[in-house]
Amino acid sequence: MGRYDVFVKVSAKEEQDLHAAITGVRDVQDITSTATFAAIRGQGGSIDEEK
């Protein structure tokens, strides 16, 4: 982890909207690297409680 780590939870109803949101974060000029983690449903936690 670096000096200024930022975690962002992004959700969208359409895949293209999700892609646009992720691209928008990656295109910020001073962001030097990003990592994307996909949610895995069925392993418990708040994601499985969403409708």
N, C-alpha and C. Protein backbone atom coordinates (compact mmCIF):
# COMPACT_ATOMS: atom_id res chain seq x y z
N MET A 1 0.84 -1.17 0.00
CA MET A 1 0.00 0.00 0.00
C MET A 1 0.88 1.24 0.00
N GLY A 2 0.44 2.20 -0.72
CA GLY A 2 1.22 3.42 -0.88
C GLY A 2 0.85 4.50 0.11
N ARG A 3 1.35 5.66 -0.13
CA ARG A 3 1.17 6.78 0.79
C ARG A 3 -0.27 7.26 0.83
N TYR A 4 -0.92 7.33 -0.31
CA TYR A 4 -2.29 7.82 -0.36
C TYR A 4 -3.16 6.80 -1.09
N ASP A 5 -3.53 5.75 -0.41
CA ASP A 5 -4.39 4.73 -1.01
C ASP A 5 -5.85 5.15 -0.91
N VAL A 6 -6.57 4.92 -1.97
CA VAL A 6 -7.99 5.24 -2.01
C VAL A 6 -8.73 4.00 -2.52
N PHE A 7 -9.75 3.61 -1.79
CA PHE A 7 -10.57 2.48 -2.21
C PHE A 7 -11.92 3.01 -2.62
N VAL A 8 -12.40 2.56 -3.76
CA VAL A 8 -13.66 3.05 -4.31
C VAL A 8 -14.55 1.85 -4.62
N LYS A 9 -15.78 1.89 -4.14
CA LYS A 9 -16.75 0.85 -4.50
C LYS A 9 -17.64 1.44 -5.58
N VAL A 10 -17.66 0.79 -6.73
CA VAL A 10 -18.43 1.28 -7.87
C VAL A 10 -19.45 0.22 -8.24
N SER A 11 -20.67 0.66 -8.49
CA SER A 11 -21.69 -0.27 -8.97
C SER A 11 -22.49 0.40 -10.07
N ALA A 12 -23.03 -0.41 -10.96
CA ALA A 12 -23.83 0.10 -12.07
C ALA A 12 -24.77 -1.00 -12.55
N LYS A 13 -25.87 -0.60 -13.12
CA LYS A 13 -26.82 -1.59 -13.64
C LYS A 13 -26.37 -2.14 -14.99
N GLU A 14 -25.66 -1.35 -15.75
CA GLU A 14 -25.18 -1.76 -17.07
C GLU A 14 -23.66 -1.87 -17.06
N GLU A 15 -23.14 -2.87 -17.74
CA GLU A 15 -21.70 -3.08 -17.79
C GLU A 15 -20.97 -1.88 -18.39
N GLN A 16 -21.54 -1.26 -19.40
CA GLN A 16 -20.88 -0.10 -20.03
C GLN A 16 -20.78 1.08 -19.06
N ASP A 17 -21.76 1.24 -18.18
CA ASP A 17 -21.69 2.30 -17.18
C ASP A 17 -20.61 2.02 -16.15
N LEU A 18 -20.46 0.76 -15.78
CA LEU A 18 -19.40 0.37 -14.84
C LEU A 18 -18.03 0.63 -15.47
N HIS A 19 -17.88 0.25 -16.72
CA HIS A 19 -16.62 0.48 -17.44
C HIS A 19 -16.31 1.98 -17.51
N ALA A 20 -17.31 2.80 -17.78
CA ALA A 20 -17.10 4.25 -17.85
C ALA A 20 -16.65 4.82 -16.51
N ALA A 21 -17.23 4.34 -15.42
CA ALA A 21 -16.85 4.82 -14.09
C ALA A 21 -15.41 4.44 -13.76
N ILE A 22 -15.04 3.21 -14.05
CA ILE A 22 -13.66 2.76 -13.79
C ILE A 22 -12.68 3.54 -14.66
N THR A 23 -13.01 3.73 -15.91
CA THR A 23 -12.14 4.50 -16.80
C THR A 23 -11.98 5.92 -16.32
N GLY A 24 -13.06 6.51 -15.82
CA GLY A 24 -12.99 7.87 -15.29
C GLY A 24 -12.01 8.00 -14.15
N VAL A 25 -11.97 7.02 -13.26
CA VAL A 25 -11.00 7.04 -12.15
C VAL A 25 -9.59 6.87 -12.69
N ARG A 26 -9.42 5.94 -13.60
CA ARG A 26 -8.07 5.68 -14.15
C ARG A 26 -7.52 6.84 -14.95
N ASP A 27 -8.39 7.67 -15.49
CA ASP A 27 -7.96 8.80 -16.32
C ASP A 27 -7.56 10.04 -15.52
N VAL A 28 -7.73 10.02 -14.21
CA VAL A 28 -7.31 11.16 -13.39
C VAL A 28 -5.80 11.31 -13.52
N GLN A 29 -5.35 12.50 -13.79
CA GLN A 29 -3.95 12.75 -14.17
C GLN A 29 -2.93 12.26 -13.14
N ASP A 30 -3.16 12.48 -11.86
CA ASP A 30 -2.15 12.14 -10.85
C ASP A 30 -2.25 10.72 -10.32
N ILE A 31 -3.16 9.93 -10.82
CA ILE A 31 -3.22 8.52 -10.42
C ILE A 31 -2.20 7.75 -11.24
N THR A 32 -1.29 7.11 -10.53
CA THR A 32 -0.19 6.44 -11.21
C THR A 32 -0.43 4.95 -11.44
N SER A 33 -1.29 4.33 -10.64
CA SER A 33 -1.61 2.93 -10.87
C SER A 33 -2.97 2.60 -10.25
N THR A 34 -3.62 1.59 -10.79
CA THR A 34 -4.91 1.15 -10.28
C THR A 34 -4.96 -0.37 -10.25
N ALA A 35 -5.85 -0.89 -9.43
CA ALA A 35 -6.12 -2.33 -9.39
C ALA A 35 -7.63 -2.49 -9.29
N THR A 36 -8.17 -3.40 -10.06
CA THR A 36 -9.61 -3.64 -10.06
C THR A 36 -9.87 -5.02 -9.50
N PHE A 37 -10.78 -5.09 -8.54
CA PHE A 37 -11.14 -6.35 -7.92
C PHE A 37 -12.62 -6.61 -8.19
N ALA A 38 -12.91 -7.74 -8.76
CA ALA A 38 -14.30 -8.09 -9.05
C ALA A 38 -14.94 -8.72 -7.82
N ALA A 39 -16.19 -8.42 -7.60
CA ALA A 39 -16.94 -9.02 -6.51
C ALA A 39 -17.33 -10.44 -6.89
N ILE A 40 -17.27 -11.32 -5.93
CA ILE A 40 -17.67 -12.71 -6.15
C ILE A 40 -18.90 -12.98 -5.30
N ARG A 41 -20.00 -13.18 -5.95
CA ARG A 41 -21.25 -13.45 -5.23
C ARG A 41 -21.26 -14.88 -4.69
N GLY A 42 -22.03 -15.08 -3.63
CA GLY A 42 -22.20 -16.41 -3.08
C GLY A 42 -21.20 -16.78 -2.00
N GLN A 43 -20.40 -15.81 -1.55
CA GLN A 43 -19.43 -16.10 -0.49
C GLN A 43 -19.76 -15.35 0.79
N GLY A 44 -21.00 -14.90 0.89
CA GLY A 44 -21.42 -14.19 2.10
C GLY A 44 -21.07 -12.72 2.03
N GLY A 45 -21.51 -11.98 3.01
CA GLY A 45 -21.22 -10.56 3.07
C GLY A 45 -22.33 -9.74 2.48
N SER A 46 -22.16 -8.43 2.48
CA SER A 46 -23.20 -7.51 2.09
C SER A 46 -23.57 -7.61 0.60
N ILE A 47 -22.67 -8.05 -0.25
CA ILE A 47 -22.98 -8.13 -1.68
C ILE A 47 -24.09 -9.15 -1.95
N ASP A 48 -24.14 -10.21 -1.14
CA ASP A 48 -25.17 -11.23 -1.33
C ASP A 48 -26.53 -10.78 -0.79
N GLU A 49 -26.52 -9.75 0.04
CA GLU A 49 -27.78 -9.22 0.58
C GLU A 49 -28.44 -8.22 -0.34
N GLU A 50 -27.70 -7.70 -1.33
CA GLU A 50 -28.26 -6.71 -2.27
C GLU A 50 -29.23 -7.38 -3.20
N LYS A 51 -30.23 -6.61 -3.63
CA LYS A 51 -31.23 -7.16 -4.55
C LYS A 51 -31.03 -6.66 -5.94
